[in-house]
Amino acid sequence: MSTYRKLAEQAAQLEREQCYYQAAEAWEQAYQWACQLENLLWCKLRADFCRHARRWVERGINRQHVA
């Protein structure tokens, strides 16, 4: 398994656990190892989402109710 894939799977698991700060950092690490454009874009989008989700959690906003 590639380093990128290991890091991406770790980031996804952290995200599922709603550990958004750690997930954002893990997506940024995965970004450093991504070789394909689609993976680079995916890592960037997921890291951005996690940074926003972290703020929602800190403010007590349920992400399922955000339109």
PDB file of N, CA and C in Angstrom:
ATOM      1  N   MET A   1       0.857  -1.178   0.000  1.00  0.00           N
ATOM      2  CA  MET A   1       0.000   0.000   0.000  1.00  0.00           C
ATOM      3  C   MET A   1       0.900   1.238   0.000  1.00  0.00           C
ATOM      4  N   SER A   2       0.532   2.204  -0.807  1.00  0.00           N
ATOM      5  CA  SER A   2       1.345   3.417  -0.925  1.00  0.00           C
ATOM      6  C   SER A   2       1.219   4.302   0.318  1.00  0.00           C
ATOM      7  N   THR A   3       2.201   5.150   0.498  1.00  0.00           N
ATOM      8  CA  THR A   3       2.172   6.100   1.618  1.00  0.00           C
ATOM      9  C   THR A   3       0.959   7.006   1.507  1.00  0.00           C
ATOM     10  N   TYR A   4       0.674   7.464   0.286  1.00  0.00           N
ATOM     11  CA  TYR A   4      -0.500   8.314   0.083  1.00  0.00           C
ATOM     12  C   TYR A   4      -1.761   7.607   0.571  1.00  0.00           C
ATOM     13  N   ARG A   5      -1.941   6.375   0.151  1.00  0.00           N
ATOM     14  CA  ARG A   5      -3.165   5.637   0.501  1.00  0.00           C
ATOM     15  C   ARG A   5      -3.271   5.435   2.014  1.00  0.00           C
ATOM     16  N   LYS A   6      -2.171   5.096   2.663  1.00  0.00           N
ATOM     17  CA  LYS A   6      -2.176   4.916   4.118  1.00  0.00           C
ATOM     18  C   LYS A   6      -2.602   6.205   4.813  1.00  0.00           C
ATOM     19  N   LEU A   7      -2.021   7.326   4.375  1.00  0.00           N
ATOM     20  CA  LEU A   7      -2.353   8.615   4.988  1.00  0.00           C
ATOM     21  C   LEU A   7      -3.798   9.016   4.700  1.00  0.00           C
ATOM     22  N   ALA A   8      -4.255   8.760   3.490  1.00  0.00           N
ATOM     23  CA  ALA A   8      -5.630   9.102   3.130  1.00  0.00           C
ATOM     24  C   ALA A   8      -6.624   8.263   3.931  1.00  0.00           C
ATOM     25  N   GLU A   9      -6.332   6.995   4.113  1.00  0.00           N
ATOM     26  CA  GLU A   9      -7.217   6.145   4.909  1.00  0.00           C
ATOM     27  C   GLU A   9      -7.229   6.585   6.374  1.00  0.00           C
ATOM     28  N   GLN A  10      -6.069   6.974   6.877  1.00  0.00           N
ATOM     29  CA  GLN A  10      -5.997   7.482   8.251  1.00  0.00           C
ATOM     30  C   GLN A  10      -6.823   8.764   8.376  1.00  0.00           C
ATOM     31  N   ALA A  11      -6.684   9.658   7.411  1.00  0.00           N
ATOM     32  CA  ALA A  11      -7.434  10.915   7.430  1.00  0.00           C
ATOM     33  C   ALA A  11      -8.933  10.649   7.377  1.00  0.00           C
ATOM     34  N   ALA A  12      -9.348   9.730   6.522  1.00  0.00           N
ATOM     35  CA  ALA A  12     -10.771   9.399   6.400  1.00  0.00           C
ATOM     36  C   ALA A  12     -11.310   8.819   7.706  1.00  0.00           C
ATOM     37  N   GLN A  13     -10.514   7.975   8.366  1.00  0.00           N
ATOM     38  CA  GLN A  13     -10.953   7.397   9.644  1.00  0.00           C
ATOM     39  C   GLN A  13     -11.099   8.492  10.702  1.00  0.00           C
ATOM     40  N   LEU A  14     -10.147   9.401  10.772  1.00  0.00           N
ATOM     41  CA  LEU A  14     -10.230  10.514  11.716  1.00  0.00           C
ATOM     42  C   LEU A  14     -11.467  11.366  11.441  1.00  0.00           C
ATOM     43  N   GLU A  15     -11.752  11.556  10.169  1.00  0.00           N
ATOM     44  CA  GLU A  15     -12.936  12.337   9.795  1.00  0.00           C
ATOM     45  C   GLU A  15     -14.218  11.628  10.234  1.00  0.00           C
ATOM     46  N   ARG A  16     -14.293  10.320  10.032  1.00  0.00           N
ATOM     47  CA  ARG A  16     -15.466   9.555  10.469  1.00  0.00           C
ATOM     48  C   ARG A  16     -15.653   9.637  11.983  1.00  0.00           C
ATOM     49  N   GLU A  17     -14.537   9.732  12.700  1.00  0.00           N
ATOM     50  CA  GLU A  17     -14.582   9.847  14.156  1.00  0.00           C
ATOM     51  C   GLU A  17     -14.826  11.288  14.608  1.00  0.00           C
ATOM     52  N   GLN A  18     -14.989  12.181  13.656  1.00  0.00           N
ATOM     53  CA  GLN A  18     -15.213  13.610  13.894  1.00  0.00           C
ATOM     54  C   GLN A  18     -14.051  14.272  14.637  1.00  0.00           C
ATOM     55  N   CYS A  19     -12.854  13.773  14.397  1.00  0.00           N
ATOM     56  CA  CYS A  19     -11.626  14.391  14.907  1.00  0.00           C
ATOM     57  C   CYS A  19     -11.117  15.304  13.794  1.00  0.00           C
ATOM     58  N   TYR A  20     -11.832  16.403  13.593  1.00  0.00           N
ATOM     59  CA  TYR A  20     -11.622  17.221  12.400  1.00  0.00           C
ATOM     60  C   TYR A  20     -10.267  17.926  12.354  1.00  0.00           C
ATOM     61  N   TYR A  21      -9.761  18.364  13.488  1.00  0.00           N
ATOM     62  CA  TYR A  21      -8.452  19.024  13.490  1.00  0.00           C
ATOM     63  C   TYR A  21      -7.382  18.045  13.001  1.00  0.00           C
ATOM     64  N   GLN A  22      -7.363  16.834  13.582  1.00  0.00           N
ATOM     65  CA  GLN A  22      -6.392  15.828  13.187  1.00  0.00           C
ATOM     66  C   GLN A  22      -6.623  15.361  11.756  1.00  0.00           C
ATOM     67  N   ALA A  23      -7.886  15.257  11.355  1.00  0.00           N
ATOM     68  CA  ALA A  23      -8.203  14.829   9.989  1.00  0.00           C
ATOM     69  C   ALA A  23      -7.684  15.843   8.974  1.00  0.00           C
ATOM     70  N   ALA A  24      -7.861  17.129   9.248  1.00  0.00           N
ATOM     71  CA  ALA A  24      -7.363  18.158   8.333  1.00  0.00           C
ATOM     72  C   ALA A  24      -5.850  18.051   8.181  1.00  0.00           C
ATOM     73  N   GLU A  25      -5.166  17.845   9.288  1.00  0.00           N
ATOM     74  CA  GLU A  25      -3.706  17.700   9.226  1.00  0.00           C
ATOM     75  C   GLU A  25      -3.314  16.439   8.454  1.00  0.00           C
ATOM     76  N   ALA A  26      -4.055  15.359   8.655  1.00  0.00           N
ATOM     77  CA  ALA A  26      -3.760  14.116   7.942  1.00  0.00           C
ATOM     78  C   ALA A  26      -4.008  14.264   6.438  1.00  0.00           C
ATOM     79  N   TRP A  27      -5.080  14.976   6.060  1.00  0.00           N
ATOM     80  CA  TRP A  27      -5.329  15.224   4.631  1.00  0.00           C
ATOM     81  C   TRP A  27      -4.204  16.063   4.038  1.00  0.00           C
ATOM     82  N   GLU A  28      -3.688  17.005   4.802  1.00  0.00           N
ATOM     83  CA  GLU A  28      -2.571  17.822   4.304  1.00  0.00           C
ATOM     84  C   GLU A  28      -1.308  16.972   4.118  1.00  0.00           C
ATOM     85  N   GLN A  29      -1.086  16.010   5.003  1.00  0.00           N
ATOM     86  CA  GLN A  29       0.055  15.099   4.840  1.00  0.00           C
ATOM     87  C   GLN A  29      -0.145  14.216   3.607  1.00  0.00           C
ATOM     88  N   ALA A  30      -1.362  13.709   3.433  1.00  0.00           N
ATOM     89  CA  ALA A  30      -1.650  12.872   2.265  1.00  0.00           C
ATOM     90  C   ALA A  30      -1.428  13.668   0.978  1.00  0.00           C
ATOM     91  N   TYR A  31      -1.795  14.947   1.012  1.00  0.00           N
ATOM     92  CA  TYR A  31      -1.605  15.830  -0.149  1.00  0.00           C
ATOM     93  C   TYR A  31      -0.135  15.837  -0.582  1.00  0.00           C
ATOM     94  N   GLN A  32       0.762  15.832   0.383  1.00  0.00           N
ATOM     95  CA  GLN A  32       2.196  15.882   0.080  1.00  0.00           C
ATOM     96  C   GLN A  32       2.670  14.629  -0.666  1.00  0.00           C
ATOM     97  N   TRP A  33       1.951  13.527  -0.518  1.00  0.00           N
ATOM     98  CA  TRP A  33       2.336  12.264  -1.149  1.00  0.00           C
ATOM     99  C   TRP A  33       1.515  11.932  -2.393  1.00  0.00           C
ATOM    100  N   ALA A  34       0.474  12.708  -2.662  1.00  0.00           N
ATOM    101  CA  ALA A  34      -0.392  12.423  -3.818  1.00  0.00           C
ATOM    102  C   ALA A  34       0.339  12.719  -5.121  1.00  0.00           C
ATOM    103  N   CYS A  35       0.153  11.849  -6.078  1.00  0.00           N
ATOM    104  CA  CYS A  35       0.796  12.026  -7.392  1.00  0.00           C
ATOM    105  C   CYS A  35      -0.207  12.414  -8.475  1.00  0.00           C
ATOM    106  N   GLN A  36      -1.436  11.997  -8.319  1.00  0.00           N
ATOM    107  CA  GLN A  36      -2.450  12.267  -9.333  1.00  0.00           C
ATOM    108  C   GLN A  36      -3.220  13.536  -8.980  1.00  0.00           C
ATOM    109  N   LEU A  37      -3.573  14.285  -9.999  1.00  0.00           N
ATOM    110  CA  LEU A  37      -4.291  15.538  -9.812  1.00  0.00           C
ATOM    111  C   LEU A  37      -5.582  15.332  -9.028  1.00  0.00           C
ATOM    112  N   GLU A  38      -6.334  14.284  -9.354  1.00  0.00           N
ATOM    113  CA  GLU A  38      -7.599  14.060  -8.648  1.00  0.00           C
ATOM    114  C   GLU A  38      -7.371  13.823  -7.152  1.00  0.00           C
ATOM    115  N   ASN A  39      -6.277  13.167  -6.792  1.00  0.00           N
ATOM    116  CA  ASN A  39      -5.972  12.944  -5.382  1.00  0.00           C
ATOM    117  C   ASN A  39      -5.523  14.236  -4.702  1.00  0.00           C
ATOM    118  N   LEU A  40      -4.769  15.054  -5.405  1.00  0.00           N
ATOM    119  CA  LEU A  40      -4.365  16.359  -4.865  1.00  0.00           C
ATOM    120  C   LEU A  40      -5.598  17.207  -4.560  1.00  0.00           C
ATOM    121  N   LEU A  41      -6.516  17.249  -5.510  1.00  0.00           N
ATOM    122  CA  LEU A  41      -7.739  18.033  -5.325  1.00  0.00           C
ATOM    123  C   LEU A  41      -8.592  17.464  -4.192  1.00  0.00           C
ATOM    124  N   TRP A  42      -8.702  16.139  -4.126  1.00  0.00           N
ATOM    125  CA  TRP A  42      -9.502  15.505  -3.084  1.00  0.00           C
ATOM    126  C   TRP A  42      -8.945  15.849  -1.697  1.00  0.00           C
ATOM    127  N   CYS A  43      -7.639  15.741  -1.540  1.00  0.00           N
ATOM    128  CA  CYS A  43      -7.010  16.049  -0.246  1.00  0.00           C
ATOM    129  C   CYS A  43      -7.261  17.498   0.149  1.00  0.00           C
ATOM    130  N   LYS A  44      -7.132  18.407  -0.804  1.00  0.00           N
ATOM    131  CA  LYS A  44      -7.362  19.827  -0.524  1.00  0.00           C
ATOM    132  C   LYS A  44      -8.810  20.066  -0.094  1.00  0.00           C
ATOM    133  N   LEU A  45      -9.749  19.481  -0.829  1.00  0.00           N
ATOM    134  CA  LEU A  45     -11.168  19.655  -0.501  1.00  0.00           C
ATOM    135  C   LEU A  45     -11.510  19.065   0.867  1.00  0.00           C
ATOM    136  N   ARG A  46     -10.994  17.873   1.162  1.00  0.00           N
ATOM    137  CA  ARG A  46     -11.289  17.242   2.451  1.00  0.00           C
ATOM    138  C   ARG A  46     -10.658  18.029   3.598  1.00  0.00           C
ATOM    139  N   ALA A  47      -9.440  18.518   3.423  1.00  0.00           N
ATOM    140  CA  ALA A  47      -8.796  19.320   4.474  1.00  0.00           C
ATOM    141  C   ALA A  47      -9.595  20.589   4.730  1.00  0.00           C
ATOM    142  N   ASP A  48     -10.053  21.233   3.661  1.00  0.00           N
ATOM    143  CA  ASP A  48     -10.879  22.440   3.814  1.00  0.00           C
ATOM    144  C   ASP A  48     -12.185  22.110   4.537  1.00  0.00           C
ATOM    145  N   PHE A  49     -12.826  21.008   4.145  1.00  0.00           N
ATOM    146  CA  PHE A  49     -14.066  20.601   4.805  1.00  0.00           C
ATOM    147  C   PHE A  49     -13.829  20.378   6.297  1.00  0.00           C
ATOM    148  N   CYS A  50     -12.758  19.684   6.629  1.00  0.00           N
ATOM    149  CA  CYS A  50     -12.473  19.374   8.036  1.00  0.00           C
ATOM    150  C   CYS A  50     -12.216  20.639   8.844  1.00  0.00           C
ATOM    151  N   ARG A  51     -11.547  21.605   8.243  1.00  0.00           N
ATOM    152  CA  ARG A  51     -11.325  22.874   8.953  1.00  0.00           C
ATOM    153  C   ARG A  51     -12.660  23.567   9.232  1.00  0.00           C
ATOM    154  N   HIS A  52     -13.574  23.539   8.270  1.00  0.00           N
ATOM    155  CA  HIS A  52     -14.901  24.140   8.469  1.00  0.00           C
ATOM    156  C   HIS A  52     -15.719  23.325   9.475  1.00  0.00           C
ATOM    157  N   ALA A  53     -15.691  22.014   9.352  1.00  0.00           N
ATOM    158  CA  ALA A  53     -16.452  21.155  10.255  1.00  0.00           C
ATOM    159  C   ALA A  53     -15.977  21.338  11.684  1.00  0.00           C
ATOM    160  N   ARG A  54     -14.703  21.531  11.854  1.00  0.00           N
ATOM    161  CA  ARG A  54     -14.161  21.768  13.202  1.00  0.00           C
ATOM    162  C   ARG A  54     -14.798  23.015  13.808  1.00  0.00           C
ATOM    163  N   ARG A  55     -14.915  24.055  13.021  1.00  0.00           N
ATOM    164  CA  ARG A  55     -15.546  25.288  13.510  1.00  0.00           C
ATOM    165  C   ARG A  55     -17.012  25.063  13.832  1.00  0.00           C
ATOM    166  N   TRP A  56     -17.709  24.261  13.000  1.00  0.00           N
ATOM    167  CA  TRP A  56     -19.120  23.970  13.266  1.00  0.00           C
ATOM    168  C   TRP A  56     -19.268  23.250  14.599  1.00  0.00           C
ATOM    169  N   VAL A  57     -18.400  22.272  14.834  1.00  0.00           N
ATOM    170  CA  VAL A  57     -18.453  21.513  16.082  1.00  0.00           C
ATOM    171  C   VAL A  57     -18.178  22.433  17.268  1.00  0.00           C
ATOM    172  N   GLU A  58     -17.172  23.289  17.121  1.00  0.00           N
ATOM    173  CA  GLU A  58     -16.841  24.220  18.205  1.00  0.00           C
ATOM    174  C   GLU A  58     -18.008  25.155  18.514  1.00  0.00           C
ATOM    175  N   ARG A  59     -18.797  25.482  17.514  1.00  0.00           N
ATOM    176  CA  ARG A  59     -19.946  26.381  17.697  1.00  0.00           C
ATOM    177  C   ARG A  59     -21.230  25.621  18.006  1.00  0.00           C
ATOM    178  N   GLY A  60     -21.159  24.294  18.042  1.00  0.00           N
ATOM    179  CA  GLY A  60     -22.335  23.496  18.357  1.00  0.00           C
ATOM    180  C   GLY A  60     -23.321  23.361  17.213  1.00  0.00           C
ATOM    181  N   ILE A  61     -22.848  23.533  15.985  1.00  0.00           N
ATOM    182  CA  ILE A  61     -23.712  23.423  14.812  1.00  0.00           C
ATOM    183  C   ILE A  61     -23.624  21.997  14.288  1.00  0.00           C
ATOM    184  N   ASN A  62     -24.765  21.358  14.127  1.00  0.00           N
ATOM    185  CA  ASN A  62     -24.810  20.000  13.576  1.00  0.00           C
ATOM    186  C   ASN A  62     -24.647  20.078  12.066  1.00  0.00           C
ATOM    187  N   ARG A  63     -23.611  19.460  11.529  1.00  0.00           N
ATOM    188  CA  ARG A  63     -23.328  19.563  10.093  1.00  0.00           C
ATOM    189  C   ARG A  63     -24.437  18.986   9.246  1.00  0.00           C
ATOM    190  N   GLN A  64     -25.272  18.092   9.795  1.00  0.00           N
ATOM    191  CA  GLN A  64     -26.360  17.510   9.022  1.00  0.00           C
ATOM    192  C   GLN A  64     -27.461  18.523   8.779  1.00  0.00           C
ATOM    193  N   HIS A  65     -27.508  19.584   9.559  1.00  0.00           N
ATOM    194  CA  HIS A  65     -28.537  20.612   9.393  1.00  0.00           C
ATOM    195  C   HIS A  65     -28.044  21.824   8.613  1.00  0.00           C
ATOM    196  N   VAL A  66     -26.814  21.776   8.157  1.00  0.00           N
ATOM    197  CA  VAL A  66     -26.257  22.883   7.383  1.00  0.00           C
ATOM    198  C   VAL A  66     -26.585  22.660   5.916  1.00  0.00           C
ATOM    199  N   ALA A  67     -27.224  23.638   5.309  1.00  0.00           N
ATOM    200  CA  ALA A  67     -27.627  23.497   3.908  1.00  0.00           C
ATOM    201  C   ALA A  67     -26.476  23.801   2.993  1.00  0.00           C
TER     202      ALA A  67
END
